[in-house]
Amino acid sequence: MSLLVLFHDNLNTEQQQTRSEKPAQRQRTTGERVIANSITAHWDDISRISAYVVQFDGINFISRYVPISAVAATPEDFNLVASDYRCGYCKADRENVETLIRTHPHENFVFMESAILGVESIKLAERVISEAHFNPQGYYAIHRRYLDGGDFQSTTASVDARVLIQTHVRMASEIGINTTPTYIVAGVPHVGTIASTY
């Protein structure tokens, strides 16, 4: 009888260890499922859009401006950060975004200027893009400075910046991104702050 109890206790311990080793998976919201389905449905259009992409190379954050197809061949490869410079949650989540990118070294994160909070958000996004066109490698630092409410270098938006922001806002709407922040990691959407989700 004691052998059976001892075996049973070991089984329970093994089950507890197995359970504790597996991270609990969060249920996806309806909005996240809509985004995932929309990305798949609109992938050809999404992949043709250009955006600033940020990657951590193990030492530095590298920014570049490329078509999304250059960094993601399929929706499953797609990593995205969608934010609004007037969004309080986006501002609060900026350290978590940096941690997310650092913990996925050599992976590309597309930054979508979703600007969903109105005209002032669109103007801020246009300024960021206008400034970044002069310094594409500095995009991530510019992005962070604007989220921090820092000094604005550019006062007027270029035509190219306006067109890009219109494209990003339209695409965000088409794929169901109607709140910020929204993240996609390896094709899996997450709406809201990311505090230790990834």
N, C-alpha and C. Protein backbone atom coordinates (compact mmCIF):
# COMPACT_ATOMS: atom_id res chain seq x y z
N MET A 1 0.81 -1.19 0.00
CA MET A 1 0.00 0.00 0.00
C MET A 1 0.86 1.27 0.00
N SER A 2 1.93 1.26 0.75
CA SER A 2 2.78 2.44 0.78
C SER A 2 3.47 2.65 -0.56
N LEU A 3 3.76 1.57 -1.27
CA LEU A 3 4.36 1.69 -2.60
C LEU A 3 3.40 2.39 -3.55
N LEU A 4 2.14 2.03 -3.48
CA LEU A 4 1.12 2.65 -4.32
C LEU A 4 0.99 4.13 -4.00
N VAL A 5 0.99 4.47 -2.72
CA VAL A 5 0.89 5.87 -2.32
C VAL A 5 2.12 6.64 -2.79
N LEU A 6 3.28 6.04 -2.64
CA LEU A 6 4.51 6.68 -3.07
C LEU A 6 4.47 6.94 -4.58
N PHE A 7 4.03 5.96 -5.35
CA PHE A 7 3.90 6.12 -6.80
C PHE A 7 2.90 7.23 -7.13
N HIS A 8 1.77 7.24 -6.43
CA HIS A 8 0.75 8.25 -6.65
C HIS A 8 1.29 9.64 -6.35
N ASP A 9 2.04 9.77 -5.25
CA ASP A 9 2.63 11.06 -4.92
C ASP A 9 3.60 11.52 -6.00
N ASN A 10 4.41 10.59 -6.52
CA ASN A 10 5.33 10.95 -7.60
C ASN A 10 4.60 11.39 -8.85
N LEU A 11 3.50 10.74 -9.16
CA LEU A 11 2.70 11.10 -10.33
C LEU A 11 2.15 12.50 -10.16
N ASN A 12 1.62 12.80 -9.00
CA ASN A 12 1.10 14.15 -8.75
C ASN A 12 2.19 15.20 -8.90
N THR A 13 3.37 14.92 -8.37
CA THR A 13 4.49 15.85 -8.48
C THR A 13 4.86 16.07 -9.94
N GLU A 14 4.90 14.98 -10.73
CA GLU A 14 5.22 15.11 -12.15
C GLU A 14 4.15 15.93 -12.88
N GLN A 15 2.87 15.70 -12.56
CA GLN A 15 1.80 16.46 -13.20
C GLN A 15 1.93 17.94 -12.86
N GLN A 16 2.24 18.25 -11.58
CA GLN A 16 2.39 19.64 -11.19
C GLN A 16 3.57 20.29 -11.90
N GLN A 17 4.68 19.56 -12.03
CA GLN A 17 5.83 20.11 -12.73
C GLN A 17 5.51 20.37 -14.19
N THR A 18 4.81 19.43 -14.83
CA THR A 18 4.44 19.59 -16.23
C THR A 18 3.54 20.81 -16.39
N ARG A 19 2.56 20.95 -15.50
CA ARG A 19 1.65 22.10 -15.59
C ARG A 19 2.39 23.41 -15.38
N SER A 20 3.31 23.44 -14.44
CA SER A 20 4.02 24.69 -14.15
C SER A 20 5.00 25.06 -15.25
N GLU A 21 5.48 24.08 -16.03
CA GLU A 21 6.43 24.37 -17.10
C GLU A 21 5.75 24.97 -18.32
N LYS A 22 4.49 24.68 -18.51
CA LYS A 22 3.77 25.17 -19.67
C LYS A 22 3.13 26.52 -19.33
N PRO A 23 3.46 27.57 -20.09
CA PRO A 23 2.81 28.85 -19.82
C PRO A 23 1.33 28.77 -20.21
N ALA A 24 0.51 29.37 -19.40
CA ALA A 24 -0.92 29.38 -19.70
C ALA A 24 -1.16 30.22 -20.95
N GLN A 25 -1.93 29.67 -21.86
CA GLN A 25 -2.24 30.43 -23.07
C GLN A 25 -3.52 31.20 -22.86
N ARG A 26 -3.46 32.46 -23.20
CA ARG A 26 -4.59 33.36 -23.05
C ARG A 26 -5.56 33.13 -24.20
N GLN A 27 -6.84 33.17 -23.90
CA GLN A 27 -7.85 33.07 -24.96
C GLN A 27 -7.81 34.32 -25.81
N ARG A 28 -7.86 34.16 -27.11
CA ARG A 28 -7.89 35.32 -28.00
C ARG A 28 -9.26 35.95 -28.00
N THR A 29 -9.28 37.27 -28.04
CA THR A 29 -10.55 37.99 -28.08
C THR A 29 -11.14 37.92 -29.48
N THR A 30 -12.40 38.29 -29.58
CA THR A 30 -13.05 38.33 -30.89
C THR A 30 -12.29 39.27 -31.82
N GLY A 31 -11.89 40.44 -31.30
CA GLY A 31 -11.14 41.40 -32.12
C GLY A 31 -9.84 40.81 -32.64
N GLU A 32 -9.14 40.05 -31.79
CA GLU A 32 -7.89 39.42 -32.21
C GLU A 32 -8.12 38.37 -33.28
N ARG A 33 -9.21 37.62 -33.16
CA ARG A 33 -9.54 36.63 -34.20
C ARG A 33 -9.88 37.33 -35.51
N VAL A 34 -10.60 38.44 -35.43
CA VAL A 34 -10.94 39.21 -36.64
C VAL A 34 -9.67 39.70 -37.32
N ILE A 35 -8.74 40.24 -36.53
CA ILE A 35 -7.48 40.73 -37.09
C ILE A 35 -6.72 39.60 -37.76
N ALA A 36 -6.61 38.45 -37.09
CA ALA A 36 -5.88 37.31 -37.66
C ALA A 36 -6.50 36.88 -38.99
N ASN A 37 -7.81 36.78 -39.03
CA ASN A 37 -8.49 36.38 -40.26
C ASN A 37 -8.34 37.43 -41.36
N SER A 38 -8.41 38.71 -40.97
CA SER A 38 -8.30 39.80 -41.95
C SER A 38 -6.89 39.88 -42.53
N ILE A 39 -5.89 39.63 -41.71
CA ILE A 39 -4.51 39.66 -42.21
C ILE A 39 -4.33 38.58 -43.28
N THR A 40 -4.85 37.40 -43.02
CA THR A 40 -4.76 36.32 -44.00
C THR A 40 -5.50 36.71 -45.28
N ALA A 41 -6.70 37.26 -45.14
CA ALA A 41 -7.52 37.63 -46.30
C ALA A 41 -6.89 38.77 -47.11
N HIS A 42 -6.20 39.69 -46.45
CA HIS A 42 -5.63 40.87 -47.12
C HIS A 42 -4.12 40.79 -47.29
N TRP A 43 -3.54 39.59 -47.13
CA TRP A 43 -2.09 39.50 -47.11
C TRP A 43 -1.41 40.07 -48.35
N ASP A 44 -1.97 39.84 -49.53
CA ASP A 44 -1.34 40.38 -50.75
C ASP A 44 -1.23 41.89 -50.69
N ASP A 45 -2.29 42.57 -50.24
CA ASP A 45 -2.26 44.03 -50.11
C ASP A 45 -1.30 44.48 -49.02
N ILE A 46 -1.34 43.81 -47.88
CA ILE A 46 -0.47 44.17 -46.76
C ILE A 46 0.99 44.04 -47.17
N SER A 47 1.33 42.96 -47.82
CA SER A 47 2.73 42.69 -48.15
C SER A 47 3.32 43.72 -49.11
N ARG A 48 2.48 44.45 -49.83
CA ARG A 48 2.96 45.47 -50.78
C ARG A 48 3.20 46.83 -50.12
N ILE A 49 2.67 47.02 -48.93
CA ILE A 49 2.81 48.30 -48.24
C ILE A 49 4.23 48.44 -47.70
N SER A 50 4.75 49.64 -47.73
CA SER A 50 6.07 49.90 -47.14
C SER A 50 5.87 50.46 -45.73
N ALA A 51 6.85 50.19 -44.88
CA ALA A 51 6.78 50.66 -43.50
C ALA A 51 8.18 50.66 -42.91
N TYR A 52 8.30 51.32 -41.77
CA TYR A 52 9.56 51.23 -41.03
C TYR A 52 9.54 49.93 -40.25
N VAL A 53 10.68 49.26 -40.28
CA VAL A 53 10.85 47.97 -39.64
C VAL A 53 11.98 48.11 -38.63
N VAL A 54 11.78 47.56 -37.45
CA VAL A 54 12.80 47.63 -36.40
C VAL A 54 13.21 46.22 -36.03
N GLN A 55 14.51 46.05 -35.85
CA GLN A 55 15.08 44.75 -35.49
C GLN A 55 16.17 45.00 -34.45
N PHE A 56 16.28 44.09 -33.48
CA PHE A 56 17.38 44.16 -32.52
C PHE A 56 18.41 43.14 -32.95
N ASP A 57 19.64 43.59 -33.19
CA ASP A 57 20.68 42.69 -33.70
C ASP A 57 21.52 42.07 -32.59
N GLY A 58 21.10 42.22 -31.35
CA GLY A 58 21.86 41.72 -30.22
C GLY A 58 22.63 42.82 -29.51
N ILE A 59 22.83 43.93 -30.22
CA ILE A 59 23.54 45.08 -29.65
C ILE A 59 22.73 46.36 -29.84
N ASN A 60 22.26 46.58 -31.06
CA ASN A 60 21.58 47.83 -31.42
C ASN A 60 20.20 47.56 -32.02
N PHE A 61 19.37 48.59 -32.00
CA PHE A 61 18.11 48.56 -32.72
C PHE A 61 18.39 49.11 -34.11
N ILE A 62 18.02 48.34 -35.13
CA ILE A 62 18.25 48.71 -36.51
C ILE A 62 16.89 49.05 -37.13
N SER A 63 16.80 50.21 -37.76
CA SER A 63 15.56 50.62 -38.43
C SER A 63 15.83 50.73 -39.92
N ARG A 64 14.81 50.39 -40.71
CA ARG A 64 14.90 50.58 -42.15
C ARG A 64 13.49 50.67 -42.72
N TYR A 65 13.41 51.25 -43.89
CA TYR A 65 12.14 51.46 -44.57
C TYR A 65 12.07 50.49 -45.74
N VAL A 66 11.13 49.53 -45.69
CA VAL A 66 11.06 48.49 -46.71
C VAL A 66 9.61 48.08 -46.96
N PRO A 67 9.35 47.42 -48.10
CA PRO A 67 8.04 46.79 -48.27
C PRO A 67 7.90 45.66 -47.24
N ILE A 68 6.72 45.46 -46.73
CA ILE A 68 6.50 44.41 -45.73
C ILE A 68 6.90 43.04 -46.29
N SER A 69 6.72 42.83 -47.58
CA SER A 69 7.08 41.54 -48.18
C SER A 69 8.57 41.23 -48.03
N ALA A 70 9.40 42.25 -47.82
CA ALA A 70 10.84 42.03 -47.65
C ALA A 70 11.18 41.44 -46.29
N VAL A 71 10.24 41.50 -45.33
CA VAL A 71 10.53 41.00 -43.99
C VAL A 71 9.55 39.93 -43.50
N ALA A 72 8.47 39.72 -44.24
CA ALA A 72 7.49 38.70 -43.86
C ALA A 72 6.92 38.08 -45.13
N ALA A 73 7.23 36.80 -45.33
CA ALA A 73 6.76 36.10 -46.53
C ALA A 73 5.31 35.66 -46.40
N THR A 74 4.87 35.41 -45.17
CA THR A 74 3.51 34.93 -44.93
C THR A 74 2.95 35.61 -43.68
N PRO A 75 1.64 35.53 -43.46
CA PRO A 75 1.07 36.10 -42.23
C PRO A 75 1.68 35.49 -40.96
N GLU A 76 2.13 34.25 -41.03
CA GLU A 76 2.72 33.59 -39.86
C GLU A 76 4.09 34.18 -39.50
N ASP A 77 4.73 34.85 -40.46
CA ASP A 77 6.03 35.49 -40.22
C ASP A 77 5.89 36.94 -39.76
N PHE A 78 4.67 37.43 -39.71
CA PHE A 78 4.40 38.86 -39.54
C PHE A 78 4.46 39.27 -38.07
N ASN A 79 5.31 40.25 -37.78
CA ASN A 79 5.39 40.89 -36.46
C ASN A 79 5.05 42.36 -36.65
N LEU A 80 4.17 42.89 -35.81
CA LEU A 80 3.68 44.24 -36.02
C LEU A 80 3.52 44.96 -34.69
N VAL A 81 3.82 46.25 -34.71
CA VAL A 81 3.53 47.14 -33.59
C VAL A 81 2.67 48.25 -34.17
N ALA A 82 1.42 48.35 -33.73
CA ALA A 82 0.51 49.41 -34.20
C ALA A 82 0.23 50.32 -33.01
N SER A 83 0.59 51.59 -33.18
CA SER A 83 0.42 52.52 -32.07
C SER A 83 -0.03 53.88 -32.56
N ASP A 84 -0.37 54.72 -31.60
CA ASP A 84 -0.81 56.08 -31.86
C ASP A 84 -0.03 56.97 -30.88
N TYR A 85 0.56 58.05 -31.37
CA TYR A 85 1.42 58.88 -30.53
C TYR A 85 0.65 59.63 -29.44
N ARG A 86 -0.66 59.66 -29.50
CA ARG A 86 -1.46 60.29 -28.45
C ARG A 86 -2.07 59.27 -27.50
N CYS A 87 -1.80 58.00 -27.71
CA CYS A 87 -2.39 56.92 -26.92
C CYS A 87 -1.62 56.74 -25.61
N GLY A 88 -2.29 56.92 -24.50
CA GLY A 88 -1.65 56.76 -23.19
C GLY A 88 -1.15 55.35 -22.95
N TYR A 89 -1.89 54.35 -23.43
CA TYR A 89 -1.45 52.96 -23.27
C TYR A 89 -0.20 52.67 -24.10
N CYS A 90 -0.13 53.28 -25.28
CA CYS A 90 1.07 53.10 -26.12
C CYS A 90 2.29 53.71 -25.42
N LYS A 91 2.09 54.88 -24.83
CA LYS A 91 3.19 55.53 -24.10
C LYS A 91 3.62 54.67 -22.92
N ALA A 92 2.65 54.15 -22.18
CA ALA A 92 2.96 53.33 -21.01
C ALA A 92 3.62 52.01 -21.39
N ASP A 93 3.36 51.52 -22.59
CA ASP A 93 3.85 50.21 -23.02
C ASP A 93 5.19 50.26 -23.75
N ARG A 94 5.78 51.44 -23.90
CA ARG A 94 6.97 51.54 -24.75
C ARG A 94 8.15 50.71 -24.24
N GLU A 95 8.32 50.58 -22.91
CA GLU A 95 9.41 49.74 -22.40
C GLU A 95 9.14 48.26 -22.69
N ASN A 96 7.86 47.88 -22.61
CA ASN A 96 7.50 46.50 -22.94
C ASN A 96 7.74 46.19 -24.41
N VAL A 97 7.50 47.18 -25.28
CA VAL A 97 7.78 47.00 -26.71
C VAL A 97 9.27 46.80 -26.92
N GLU A 98 10.07 47.59 -26.24
CA GLU A 98 11.52 47.44 -26.38
C GLU A 98 11.95 46.05 -25.90
N THR A 99 11.38 45.59 -24.80
CA THR A 99 11.70 44.24 -24.29
C THR A 99 11.25 43.17 -25.29
N LEU A 100 10.06 43.36 -25.86
CA LEU A 100 9.55 42.41 -26.86
C LEU A 100 10.53 42.28 -28.02
N ILE A 101 10.99 43.40 -28.54
CA ILE A 101 11.91 43.37 -29.68
C ILE A 101 13.26 42.78 -29.27
N ARG A 102 13.74 43.13 -28.09
CA ARG A 102 15.02 42.59 -27.60
C ARG A 102 14.96 41.07 -27.43
N THR A 103 13.81 40.56 -26.98
CA THR A 103 13.69 39.12 -26.72
C THR A 103 13.40 38.32 -27.99
N HIS A 104 13.29 39.01 -29.10
CA HIS A 104 13.14 38.36 -30.42
C HIS A 104 14.24 38.90 -31.34
N PRO A 105 15.52 38.68 -30.96
CA PRO A 105 16.61 39.26 -31.75
C PRO A 105 16.59 38.75 -33.19
N HIS A 106 16.96 39.63 -34.08
CA HIS A 106 17.06 39.36 -35.51
C HIS A 106 15.71 39.15 -36.18
N GLU A 107 14.61 39.37 -35.44
CA GLU A 107 13.29 39.33 -36.06
C GLU A 107 12.87 40.76 -36.37
N ASN A 108 12.14 40.91 -37.45
CA ASN A 108 11.71 42.23 -37.91
C ASN A 108 10.32 42.55 -37.37
N PHE A 109 10.17 43.75 -36.82
CA PHE A 109 8.88 44.23 -36.34
C PHE A 109 8.47 45.42 -37.19
N VAL A 110 7.36 45.27 -37.88
CA VAL A 110 6.81 46.33 -38.70
C VAL A 110 6.10 47.32 -37.78
N PHE A 111 6.38 48.61 -37.95
CA PHE A 111 5.71 49.64 -37.17
C PHE A 111 4.65 50.30 -38.04
N MET A 112 3.39 50.06 -37.68
CA MET A 112 2.27 50.64 -38.41
C MET A 112 1.83 51.92 -37.70
N GLU A 113 1.83 53.01 -38.43
CA GLU A 113 1.38 54.29 -37.90
C GLU A 113 -0.14 54.32 -38.00
N SER A 114 -0.81 53.72 -37.01
CA SER A 114 -2.26 53.56 -37.12
C SER A 114 -3.04 54.85 -36.87
N ALA A 115 -2.53 55.75 -36.05
CA ALA A 115 -3.12 57.10 -35.86
C ALA A 115 -4.64 57.09 -35.82
N ILE A 116 -5.21 56.34 -34.89
CA ILE A 116 -6.66 56.17 -34.85
C ILE A 116 -7.39 57.19 -33.98
N LEU A 117 -6.63 58.03 -33.25
CA LEU A 117 -7.27 58.95 -32.30
C LEU A 117 -7.53 60.34 -32.87
N GLY A 118 -7.66 60.44 -34.18
CA GLY A 118 -8.09 61.70 -34.77
C GLY A 118 -7.01 62.46 -35.52
N VAL A 119 -7.36 63.68 -35.89
CA VAL A 119 -6.53 64.52 -36.75
C VAL A 119 -5.17 64.82 -36.11
N GLU A 120 -5.14 65.11 -34.82
CA GLU A 120 -3.86 65.41 -34.17
C GLU A 120 -2.93 64.20 -34.21
N SER A 121 -3.48 63.01 -34.07
CA SER A 121 -2.67 61.79 -34.15
C SER A 121 -2.09 61.63 -35.55
N ILE A 122 -2.89 61.93 -36.55
CA ILE A 122 -2.42 61.83 -37.94
C ILE A 122 -1.28 62.83 -38.17
N LYS A 123 -1.44 64.04 -37.65
CA LYS A 123 -0.38 65.05 -37.83
C LYS A 123 0.92 64.61 -37.15
N LEU A 124 0.82 64.05 -35.95
CA LEU A 124 2.02 63.56 -35.27
C LEU A 124 2.69 62.44 -36.06
N ALA A 125 1.90 61.50 -36.54
CA ALA A 125 2.45 60.39 -37.33
C ALA A 125 3.12 60.91 -38.60
N GLU A 126 2.52 61.89 -39.24
CA GLU A 126 3.12 62.49 -40.44
C GLU A 126 4.46 63.14 -40.12
N ARG A 127 4.54 63.80 -38.96
CA ARG A 127 5.81 64.42 -38.56
C ARG A 127 6.89 63.37 -38.34
N VAL A 128 6.51 62.28 -37.67
CA VAL A 128 7.48 61.20 -37.42
C VAL A 128 8.02 60.67 -38.74
N ILE A 129 7.13 60.37 -39.67
CA ILE A 129 7.55 59.81 -40.95
C ILE A 129 8.37 60.83 -41.74
N SER A 130 7.97 62.09 -41.72
CA SER A 130 8.75 63.12 -42.42
C SER A 130 10.16 63.20 -41.87
N GLU A 131 10.28 63.18 -40.55
CA GLU A 131 11.61 63.24 -39.93
C GLU A 131 12.40 61.97 -40.24
N ALA A 132 11.75 60.83 -40.20
CA ALA A 132 12.45 59.56 -40.43
C ALA A 132 12.92 59.42 -41.87
N HIS A 133 12.24 60.06 -42.82
CA HIS A 133 12.70 59.98 -44.21
C HIS A 133 14.10 60.56 -44.36
N PHE A 134 14.46 61.52 -43.50
CA PHE A 134 15.81 62.09 -43.54
C PHE A 134 16.82 61.22 -42.79
N ASN A 135 16.31 60.31 -41.95
CA ASN A 135 17.19 59.47 -41.14
C ASN A 135 16.51 58.12 -40.91
N PRO A 136 16.40 57.28 -41.97
CA PRO A 136 15.68 56.00 -41.83
C PRO A 136 16.23 55.10 -40.72
N GLN A 137 17.55 55.12 -40.52
CA GLN A 137 18.14 54.28 -39.48
C GLN A 137 17.76 54.77 -38.08
N GLY A 138 17.34 56.01 -37.99
CA GLY A 138 16.98 56.58 -36.69
C GLY A 138 15.50 56.50 -36.38
N TYR A 139 14.73 55.80 -37.21
CA TYR A 139 13.26 55.76 -37.01
C TYR A 139 12.87 55.36 -35.59
N TYR A 140 13.44 54.29 -35.06
CA TYR A 140 13.00 53.80 -33.75
C TYR A 140 13.23 54.85 -32.66
N ALA A 141 14.36 55.55 -32.71
CA ALA A 141 14.63 56.61 -31.73
C ALA A 141 13.63 57.75 -31.91
N ILE A 142 13.31 58.09 -33.14
CA ILE A 142 12.32 59.14 -33.42
C ILE A 142 10.96 58.72 -32.89
N HIS A 143 10.56 57.49 -33.18
CA HIS A 143 9.29 56.94 -32.71
C HIS A 143 9.20 57.05 -31.19
N ARG A 144 10.24 56.63 -30.50
CA ARG A 144 10.25 56.68 -29.02
C ARG A 144 10.19 58.11 -28.52
N ARG A 145 10.92 59.01 -29.16
CA ARG A 145 10.93 60.41 -28.74
C ARG A 145 9.53 61.02 -28.84
N TYR A 146 8.80 60.71 -29.91
CA TYR A 146 7.45 61.24 -30.07
C TYR A 146 6.50 60.62 -29.05
N LEU A 147 6.66 59.32 -28.76
CA LEU A 147 5.83 58.69 -27.71
C LEU A 147 6.12 59.30 -26.35
N ASP A 148 7.38 59.70 -26.13
CA ASP A 148 7.76 60.33 -24.87
C ASP A 148 7.32 61.78 -24.78
N GLY A 149 6.77 62.31 -25.89
CA GLY A 149 6.36 63.72 -25.92
C GLY A 149 7.54 64.66 -26.07
N GLY A 150 8.62 64.16 -26.65
CA GLY A 150 9.85 64.94 -26.80
C GLY A 150 9.76 66.00 -27.87
N ASP A 151 10.90 66.63 -28.13
CA ASP A 151 10.98 67.71 -29.11
C ASP A 151 10.65 67.20 -30.51
N PHE A 152 9.88 68.00 -31.23
CA PHE A 152 9.51 67.66 -32.59
C PHE A 152 10.44 68.40 -33.54
N GLN A 153 11.18 67.66 -34.35
CA GLN A 153 12.15 68.24 -35.27
C GLN A 153 11.47 68.82 -36.51
N SER A 154 10.46 68.15 -36.99
CA SER A 154 9.83 68.53 -38.25
C SER A 154 8.50 69.22 -37.96
N THR A 155 8.24 70.32 -38.61
CA THR A 155 6.99 71.03 -38.36
C THR A 155 5.97 70.78 -39.46
N THR A 156 6.43 70.46 -40.64
CA THR A 156 5.48 70.19 -41.72
C THR A 156 5.69 68.78 -42.26
N ALA A 157 4.61 68.19 -42.67
CA ALA A 157 4.67 66.83 -43.19
C ALA A 157 4.93 66.85 -44.70
N SER A 158 5.73 65.93 -45.15
CA SER A 158 5.96 65.81 -46.59
C SER A 158 4.76 65.11 -47.22
N VAL A 159 4.65 65.26 -48.53
CA VAL A 159 3.59 64.58 -49.27
C VAL A 159 3.73 63.08 -49.12
N ASP A 160 4.97 62.56 -49.19
CA ASP A 160 5.20 61.13 -49.04
C ASP A 160 4.73 60.63 -47.68
N ALA A 161 4.97 61.44 -46.64
CA ALA A 161 4.54 61.04 -45.30
C ALA A 161 3.02 61.00 -45.21
N ARG A 162 2.36 61.97 -45.81
CA ARG A 162 0.89 61.98 -45.79
C ARG A 162 0.31 60.75 -46.48
N VAL A 163 0.89 60.40 -47.62
CA VAL A 163 0.41 59.24 -48.37
C VAL A 163 0.64 57.96 -47.56
N LEU A 164 1.82 57.83 -46.94
CA LEU A 164 2.11 56.65 -46.14
C LEU A 164 1.14 56.53 -44.96
N ILE A 165 0.89 57.63 -44.27
CA ILE A 165 -0.01 57.58 -43.11
C ILE A 165 -1.43 57.23 -43.57
N GLN A 166 -1.88 57.80 -44.67
CA GLN A 166 -3.21 57.43 -45.20
C GLN A 166 -3.27 55.94 -45.50
N THR A 167 -2.20 55.40 -46.07
CA THR A 167 -2.15 53.97 -46.39
C THR A 167 -2.19 53.13 -45.12
N HIS A 168 -1.41 53.51 -44.12
CA HIS A 168 -1.39 52.76 -42.86
C HIS A 168 -2.73 52.82 -42.13
N VAL A 169 -3.33 53.99 -42.09
CA VAL A 169 -4.63 54.15 -41.41
C VAL A 169 -5.70 53.32 -42.14
N ARG A 170 -5.68 53.36 -43.47
CA ARG A 170 -6.65 52.57 -44.24
C ARG A 170 -6.45 51.08 -44.00
N MET A 171 -5.18 50.62 -44.03
CA MET A 171 -4.92 49.20 -43.84
C MET A 171 -5.28 48.78 -42.42
N ALA A 172 -4.97 49.59 -41.43
CA ALA A 172 -5.33 49.27 -40.04
C ALA A 172 -6.84 49.06 -39.94
N SER A 173 -7.59 49.93 -40.57
CA SER A 173 -9.05 49.83 -40.55
C SER A 173 -9.52 48.55 -41.26
N GLU A 174 -8.93 48.27 -42.42
CA GLU A 174 -9.34 47.08 -43.19
C GLU A 174 -9.08 45.78 -42.45
N ILE A 175 -7.99 45.73 -41.67
CA ILE A 175 -7.69 44.46 -40.99
C ILE A 175 -8.23 44.43 -39.56
N GLY A 176 -8.97 45.47 -39.17
CA GLY A 176 -9.65 45.43 -37.88
C GLY A 176 -8.88 46.00 -36.71
N ILE A 177 -7.79 46.72 -36.97
CA ILE A 177 -7.07 47.38 -35.88
C ILE A 177 -7.79 48.69 -35.59
N ASN A 178 -8.60 48.69 -34.54
CA ASN A 178 -9.36 49.89 -34.20
C ASN A 178 -9.07 50.34 -32.78
N THR A 179 -8.02 49.79 -32.18
CA THR A 179 -7.58 50.22 -30.86
C THR A 179 -6.06 50.10 -30.80
N THR A 180 -5.47 50.96 -29.99
CA THR A 180 -4.02 50.89 -29.82
C THR A 180 -3.71 50.78 -28.34
N PRO A 181 -2.62 50.12 -28.03
CA PRO A 181 -1.71 49.46 -28.94
C PRO A 181 -2.26 48.10 -29.39
N THR A 182 -1.83 47.67 -30.55
CA THR A 182 -2.11 46.32 -31.06
C THR A 182 -0.78 45.75 -31.55
N TYR A 183 -0.55 44.50 -31.20
CA TYR A 183 0.69 43.84 -31.57
C TYR A 183 0.37 42.54 -32.30
N ILE A 184 1.27 42.15 -33.17
CA ILE A 184 1.20 40.84 -33.80
C ILE A 184 2.59 40.24 -33.68
N VAL A 185 2.68 39.04 -33.14
CA VAL A 185 3.96 38.35 -33.02
C VAL A 185 3.79 36.97 -33.65
N ALA A 186 4.58 36.72 -34.69
CA ALA A 186 4.51 35.45 -35.43
C ALA A 186 3.09 35.18 -35.90
N GLY A 187 2.43 36.22 -36.39
CA GLY A 187 1.08 36.08 -36.94
C GLY A 187 -0.03 36.06 -35.92
N VAL A 188 0.29 36.13 -34.62
CA VAL A 188 -0.74 36.06 -33.57
C VAL A 188 -0.98 37.45 -33.01
N PRO A 189 -2.21 37.99 -33.18
CA PRO A 189 -2.52 39.33 -32.69
C PRO A 189 -2.71 39.38 -31.17
N HIS A 190 -2.38 40.53 -30.61
CA HIS A 190 -2.65 40.83 -29.21
C HIS A 190 -3.08 42.28 -29.15
N VAL A 191 -4.30 42.50 -28.66
CA VAL A 191 -4.83 43.86 -28.55
C VAL A 191 -4.65 44.32 -27.11
N GLY A 192 -4.07 45.49 -26.93
CA GLY A 192 -3.84 46.03 -25.60
C GLY A 192 -2.39 45.93 -25.20
N THR A 193 -2.08 46.42 -24.00
CA THR A 193 -0.70 46.41 -23.54
C THR A 193 -0.16 44.99 -23.45
N ILE A 194 1.15 44.86 -23.58
CA ILE A 194 1.73 43.51 -23.67
C ILE A 194 2.42 43.04 -22.41
N ALA A 195 2.48 43.83 -21.39
CA ALA A 195 3.20 43.50 -20.14
C ALA A 195 3.60 42.06 -20.01
N SER A 196 4.33 41.36 -20.23
CA SER A 196 4.76 39.97 -20.08
C SER A 196 3.97 38.95 -20.86
N THR A 197 3.19 39.34 -21.85
CA THR A 197 2.49 38.35 -22.66
C THR A 197 3.47 37.57 -23.50
N TYR A 198 4.51 38.24 -24.00
CA TYR A 198 5.46 37.55 -24.88
C TYR A 198 6.74 37.36 -24.12
